[in-house]
């Protein structure tokens, strides 16, 4: 497996009670996952929201939640995918399938 790529920078901005914005955090993304099974595909969970429009008064980390392939029913995932050319002979497909199965839920969206 190739070395893990450097995670992208993630800047989280919030709003104060007076309506002015401020930087909540400015760090490398802490939520980077490998596809598994020897894959060179990495994805970065940047943010997930449950409803649209998004509640910007909540200052919790939208990516700090259990990993799920499917988005919330009325929300979405924002992800950055990083992929290098893969040698499929080096991938353990069973392990990769197990990893993806662990993220999937019944249906198209989280319930």
N, C-alpha and C. Protein backbone atom coordinates (compact mmCIF):
# COMPACT_ATOMS: atom_id res chain seq x y z
N UNK A 1 0.84 -1.17 0.00
CA UNK A 1 0.00 0.00 0.00
C UNK A 1 0.89 1.24 0.00
N UNK A 2 0.50 2.25 -0.74
CA UNK A 2 1.27 3.48 -0.79
C UNK A 2 1.08 4.27 0.51
N UNK A 3 2.00 5.19 0.80
CA UNK A 3 1.87 5.95 2.04
C UNK A 3 0.59 6.79 2.06
N UNK A 4 0.10 6.99 3.26
CA UNK A 4 -1.12 7.78 3.43
C UNK A 4 -0.86 9.23 3.02
N UNK A 5 -1.73 9.81 2.18
CA UNK A 5 -1.51 11.19 1.76
C UNK A 5 -1.77 12.16 2.91
N UNK A 6 -1.18 13.34 2.80
CA UNK A 6 -1.41 14.38 3.80
C UNK A 6 -2.88 14.80 3.72
N UNK A 7 -3.58 14.85 4.86
CA UNK A 7 -4.99 15.26 4.83
C UNK A 7 -5.13 16.71 4.38
N UNK A 8 -6.25 17.05 3.74
CA UNK A 8 -6.46 18.44 3.34
C UNK A 8 -6.70 19.33 4.56
N UNK A 9 -6.49 20.59 4.38
CA UNK A 9 -6.77 21.58 5.43
C UNK A 9 -8.29 21.73 5.55
N UNK A 10 -8.77 21.85 6.77
CA UNK A 10 -10.21 22.00 7.02
C UNK A 10 -10.41 23.21 7.93
N UNK A 11 -11.11 24.21 7.41
CA UNK A 11 -11.40 25.42 8.18
C UNK A 11 -12.89 25.41 8.51
N UNK A 12 -13.20 25.48 9.81
CA UNK A 12 -14.59 25.52 10.25
C UNK A 12 -14.88 26.93 10.74
N UNK A 13 -15.96 27.51 10.21
CA UNK A 13 -16.34 28.87 10.55
C UNK A 13 -17.69 28.83 11.25
N UNK A 14 -17.85 29.63 12.29
CA UNK A 14 -19.11 29.72 13.01
C UNK A 14 -19.61 31.15 13.04
N UNK A 15 -20.79 31.35 13.59
CA UNK A 15 -21.37 32.69 13.74
C UNK A 15 -21.58 32.99 15.21
N UNK A 16 -21.20 34.20 15.61
CA UNK A 16 -21.44 34.66 16.98
C UNK A 16 -22.88 35.14 17.11
N UNK A 17 -23.30 35.39 18.34
CA UNK A 17 -24.65 35.88 18.59
C UNK A 17 -24.91 37.20 17.87
N UNK A 18 -23.86 38.02 17.69
CA UNK A 18 -24.03 39.31 17.01
C UNK A 18 -24.05 39.16 15.49
N UNK A 19 -23.97 37.90 14.99
CA UNK A 19 -24.05 37.65 13.56
C UNK A 19 -22.71 37.66 12.85
N UNK A 20 -21.66 38.02 13.54
CA UNK A 20 -20.33 38.05 12.92
C UNK A 20 -19.73 36.65 12.90
N UNK A 21 -19.01 36.35 11.85
CA UNK A 21 -18.39 35.03 11.73
C UNK A 21 -17.02 35.02 12.39
N UNK A 22 -16.57 33.80 12.72
CA UNK A 22 -15.25 33.62 13.30
C UNK A 22 -14.77 32.21 12.97
N UNK A 23 -13.46 32.00 13.03
CA UNK A 23 -12.87 30.70 12.74
C UNK A 23 -12.94 29.85 14.00
N UNK A 24 -13.67 28.72 13.92
CA UNK A 24 -13.79 27.79 15.03
C UNK A 24 -12.52 26.94 15.10
N UNK A 25 -12.08 26.44 13.94
CA UNK A 25 -10.83 25.68 13.88
C UNK A 25 -10.23 25.77 12.49
N UNK A 26 -8.93 25.59 12.42
CA UNK A 26 -8.18 25.63 11.17
C UNK A 26 -7.06 24.60 11.32
N UNK A 27 -7.33 23.37 10.86
CA UNK A 27 -6.41 22.25 11.06
C UNK A 27 -6.39 21.33 9.85
N UNK A 28 -5.48 20.36 9.87
CA UNK A 28 -5.57 19.27 8.91
C UNK A 28 -6.82 18.47 9.26
N UNK A 29 -7.48 17.93 8.25
CA UNK A 29 -8.69 17.14 8.50
C UNK A 29 -8.35 15.89 9.31
N UNK A 30 -8.99 15.69 10.47
CA UNK A 30 -8.69 14.52 11.29
C UNK A 30 -9.44 13.25 10.88
N UNK A 31 -10.35 13.36 9.90
CA UNK A 31 -11.20 12.22 9.53
C UNK A 31 -10.83 11.71 8.14
N UNK A 32 -9.71 11.01 8.05
CA UNK A 32 -9.25 10.45 6.78
C UNK A 32 -9.33 8.92 6.88
N UNK A 33 -9.91 8.30 5.87
CA UNK A 33 -10.12 6.85 5.88
C UNK A 33 -9.56 6.24 4.60
N UNK A 34 -9.03 5.05 4.74
CA UNK A 34 -8.56 4.27 3.59
C UNK A 34 -9.66 3.30 3.19
N UNK A 35 -9.78 3.03 1.91
CA UNK A 35 -10.80 2.11 1.42
C UNK A 35 -10.64 0.72 2.02
N UNK A 36 -9.44 0.36 2.38
CA UNK A 36 -9.20 -0.95 2.98
C UNK A 36 -8.71 -1.97 1.97
N UNK A 37 -8.23 -3.08 2.46
CA UNK A 37 -7.80 -4.18 1.61
C UNK A 37 -6.57 -3.87 0.77
N UNK A 38 -5.75 -2.91 1.17
CA UNK A 38 -4.55 -2.58 0.41
C UNK A 38 -4.78 -1.51 -0.65
N UNK A 39 -5.94 -0.88 -0.65
CA UNK A 39 -6.27 0.14 -1.64
C UNK A 39 -5.46 1.41 -1.43
N UNK A 40 -5.26 2.17 -2.51
CA UNK A 40 -4.60 3.48 -2.42
C UNK A 40 -5.63 4.61 -2.40
N UNK A 41 -6.91 4.28 -2.27
CA UNK A 41 -7.97 5.29 -2.23
C UNK A 41 -8.18 5.73 -0.78
N UNK A 42 -8.11 7.04 -0.57
CA UNK A 42 -8.38 7.64 0.73
C UNK A 42 -9.51 8.63 0.57
N UNK A 43 -10.40 8.67 1.54
CA UNK A 43 -11.39 9.73 1.51
C UNK A 43 -11.42 10.46 2.83
N UNK A 44 -11.69 11.75 2.71
CA UNK A 44 -11.67 12.66 3.85
C UNK A 44 -13.09 13.12 4.13
N UNK A 45 -13.58 12.80 5.29
CA UNK A 45 -14.90 13.24 5.72
C UNK A 45 -14.72 14.67 6.23
N UNK A 46 -15.14 15.64 5.44
CA UNK A 46 -14.95 17.04 5.79
C UNK A 46 -16.09 17.53 6.68
N UNK A 47 -17.32 17.22 6.28
CA UNK A 47 -18.49 17.69 7.04
C UNK A 47 -19.70 16.87 6.63
N UNK A 48 -20.60 16.66 7.56
CA UNK A 48 -21.90 16.03 7.30
C UNK A 48 -22.96 16.88 7.98
N UNK A 49 -24.07 17.08 7.28
CA UNK A 49 -25.18 17.79 7.92
C UNK A 49 -26.45 16.98 7.74
N UNK A 50 -27.36 17.13 8.72
CA UNK A 50 -28.58 16.32 8.78
C UNK A 50 -29.77 16.95 8.09
N UNK A 51 -29.78 18.26 7.96
CA UNK A 51 -30.92 18.96 7.38
C UNK A 51 -30.44 20.11 6.52
N UNK A 52 -31.32 20.53 5.62
CA UNK A 52 -31.03 21.67 4.79
C UNK A 52 -32.24 22.60 4.86
N UNK A 53 -32.09 23.87 5.18
CA UNK A 53 -30.83 24.56 5.39
C UNK A 53 -30.12 24.10 6.66
N UNK A 54 -28.82 24.28 6.67
CA UNK A 54 -27.99 23.84 7.78
C UNK A 54 -28.13 24.81 8.96
N UNK A 55 -28.22 24.26 10.17
CA UNK A 55 -28.27 25.06 11.39
C UNK A 55 -26.87 25.56 11.70
N UNK A 56 -26.60 26.83 11.44
CA UNK A 56 -25.25 27.37 11.64
C UNK A 56 -25.03 27.85 13.07
N UNK A 57 -26.05 27.73 13.93
CA UNK A 57 -25.86 28.13 15.33
C UNK A 57 -25.24 27.00 16.15
N UNK A 58 -25.23 25.79 15.61
CA UNK A 58 -24.67 24.63 16.29
C UNK A 58 -23.17 24.59 16.02
N UNK A 59 -22.35 24.61 17.05
CA UNK A 59 -20.90 24.65 16.86
C UNK A 59 -20.24 23.29 17.00
N UNK A 60 -21.00 22.21 16.94
CA UNK A 60 -20.40 20.88 17.01
C UNK A 60 -19.73 20.54 15.68
N UNK A 61 -18.81 19.60 15.71
CA UNK A 61 -18.07 19.17 14.52
C UNK A 61 -18.94 18.22 13.71
N UNK A 62 -19.37 18.64 12.53
CA UNK A 62 -20.26 17.85 11.70
C UNK A 62 -19.67 16.55 11.19
N UNK A 63 -18.37 16.40 11.23
CA UNK A 63 -17.74 15.16 10.77
C UNK A 63 -17.44 14.21 11.91
N UNK A 64 -17.63 14.66 13.14
CA UNK A 64 -17.34 13.82 14.32
C UNK A 64 -18.57 12.96 14.61
N UNK A 65 -18.69 11.89 13.84
CA UNK A 65 -19.82 10.97 13.96
C UNK A 65 -19.42 9.64 13.36
N UNK A 66 -20.18 8.58 13.62
CA UNK A 66 -19.83 7.28 13.04
C UNK A 66 -19.79 7.36 11.51
N UNK A 67 -18.81 6.69 10.93
CA UNK A 67 -18.65 6.68 9.48
C UNK A 67 -19.82 5.97 8.82
N UNK A 68 -20.37 6.58 7.81
CA UNK A 68 -21.50 6.00 7.08
C UNK A 68 -21.35 6.32 5.59
N UNK A 69 -21.56 5.31 4.76
CA UNK A 69 -21.49 5.51 3.31
C UNK A 69 -22.65 6.37 2.83
N UNK A 70 -23.84 6.09 3.34
CA UNK A 70 -25.05 6.80 2.92
C UNK A 70 -25.20 8.11 3.70
N UNK A 71 -25.69 9.16 3.04
CA UNK A 71 -25.89 10.43 3.74
C UNK A 71 -27.15 10.39 4.61
N UNK A 72 -27.28 11.34 5.55
CA UNK A 72 -28.52 11.44 6.31
C UNK A 72 -29.69 11.69 5.35
N UNK A 73 -30.88 11.29 5.76
CA UNK A 73 -32.06 11.35 4.90
C UNK A 73 -32.28 12.74 4.30
N UNK A 74 -32.14 13.80 5.07
CA UNK A 74 -32.37 15.16 4.57
C UNK A 74 -31.08 15.98 4.53
N UNK A 75 -29.95 15.31 4.54
CA UNK A 75 -28.67 16.01 4.58
C UNK A 75 -27.71 15.52 3.52
N UNK A 76 -26.43 15.68 3.80
CA UNK A 76 -25.40 15.29 2.82
C UNK A 76 -24.05 15.13 3.51
N UNK A 77 -23.16 14.42 2.83
CA UNK A 77 -21.75 14.33 3.23
C UNK A 77 -20.97 15.25 2.30
N UNK A 78 -19.95 15.89 2.83
CA UNK A 78 -18.99 16.62 2.02
C UNK A 78 -17.67 15.90 2.21
N UNK A 79 -17.18 15.28 1.14
CA UNK A 79 -15.96 14.47 1.20
C UNK A 79 -14.98 14.88 0.11
N UNK A 80 -13.71 14.67 0.40
CA UNK A 80 -12.66 14.84 -0.60
C UNK A 80 -12.03 13.47 -0.78
N UNK A 81 -12.04 12.97 -2.02
CA UNK A 81 -11.52 11.65 -2.34
C UNK A 81 -10.15 11.81 -3.00
N UNK A 82 -9.20 11.03 -2.55
CA UNK A 82 -7.86 11.04 -3.13
C UNK A 82 -7.55 9.63 -3.61
N UNK A 83 -7.23 9.52 -4.90
CA UNK A 83 -7.02 8.20 -5.47
C UNK A 83 -5.80 8.20 -6.38
N UNK A 84 -4.98 7.19 -6.21
CA UNK A 84 -3.85 6.98 -7.11
C UNK A 84 -4.16 5.72 -7.92
N UNK A 85 -3.48 5.57 -9.04
CA UNK A 85 -3.68 4.37 -9.84
C UNK A 85 -3.39 3.15 -8.97
N UNK A 86 -4.31 2.19 -9.01
CA UNK A 86 -4.16 1.00 -8.17
C UNK A 86 -3.74 -0.22 -8.98
N UNK A 87 -2.99 -1.07 -8.35
CA UNK A 87 -2.68 -2.38 -8.89
C UNK A 87 -3.67 -3.34 -8.24
N UNK A 88 -4.72 -3.69 -8.96
CA UNK A 88 -5.79 -4.51 -8.39
C UNK A 88 -5.31 -5.85 -7.85
N UNK A 89 -4.14 -6.31 -8.28
CA UNK A 89 -3.61 -7.58 -7.78
C UNK A 89 -3.20 -7.46 -6.31
N UNK A 90 -2.95 -6.22 -5.83
CA UNK A 90 -2.51 -6.02 -4.45
C UNK A 90 -3.68 -5.79 -3.49
N UNK A 91 -4.88 -5.66 -4.00
CA UNK A 91 -6.05 -5.37 -3.16
C UNK A 91 -6.69 -6.67 -2.70
N UNK A 92 -6.92 -6.78 -1.43
CA UNK A 92 -7.67 -7.90 -0.86
C UNK A 92 -9.14 -7.50 -0.95
N UNK A 93 -9.81 -7.94 -2.01
CA UNK A 93 -11.18 -7.52 -2.29
C UNK A 93 -12.13 -7.86 -1.15
N UNK A 94 -11.92 -8.99 -0.51
CA UNK A 94 -12.79 -9.38 0.60
C UNK A 94 -12.69 -8.36 1.75
N UNK A 95 -11.47 -7.94 2.09
CA UNK A 95 -11.29 -6.95 3.15
C UNK A 95 -11.87 -5.60 2.74
N UNK A 96 -11.68 -5.22 1.48
CA UNK A 96 -12.24 -3.96 0.99
C UNK A 96 -13.76 -3.99 1.05
N UNK A 97 -14.36 -5.11 0.65
CA UNK A 97 -15.82 -5.25 0.70
C UNK A 97 -16.33 -5.21 2.13
N UNK A 98 -15.61 -5.83 3.06
CA UNK A 98 -16.00 -5.81 4.47
C UNK A 98 -15.99 -4.38 5.00
N UNK A 99 -14.97 -3.61 4.63
CA UNK A 99 -14.88 -2.22 5.08
C UNK A 99 -16.07 -1.42 4.57
N UNK A 100 -16.39 -1.54 3.29
CA UNK A 100 -17.52 -0.79 2.75
C UNK A 100 -18.83 -1.26 3.35
N UNK A 101 -18.97 -2.56 3.57
CA UNK A 101 -20.20 -3.08 4.17
C UNK A 101 -20.39 -2.52 5.57
N UNK A 102 -19.29 -2.27 6.29
CA UNK A 102 -19.41 -1.73 7.64
C UNK A 102 -19.95 -0.30 7.64
N UNK A 103 -19.85 0.40 6.52
CA UNK A 103 -20.36 1.78 6.43
C UNK A 103 -21.80 1.84 5.94
N UNK A 104 -22.23 0.85 5.19
CA UNK A 104 -23.53 0.92 4.54
C UNK A 104 -24.67 0.65 5.50
N UNK A 105 -25.77 1.29 5.22
CA UNK A 105 -27.00 1.07 5.97
C UNK A 105 -28.07 0.65 4.97
N UNK A 106 -29.17 0.17 5.48
CA UNK A 106 -30.27 -0.24 4.61
C UNK A 106 -30.84 0.99 3.90
N UNK A 107 -31.14 0.86 2.64
CA UNK A 107 -31.74 1.96 1.89
C UNK A 107 -30.69 2.91 1.35
N UNK A 108 -31.16 4.00 0.76
CA UNK A 108 -30.27 4.96 0.13
C UNK A 108 -29.71 5.98 1.10
N UNK A 109 -30.44 6.24 2.18
CA UNK A 109 -30.01 7.24 3.14
C UNK A 109 -30.08 6.70 4.55
N UNK A 110 -29.37 7.36 5.45
CA UNK A 110 -29.47 7.00 6.86
C UNK A 110 -30.90 7.24 7.31
N UNK A 111 -31.35 6.44 8.24
CA UNK A 111 -32.71 6.63 8.75
C UNK A 111 -32.68 6.88 10.22
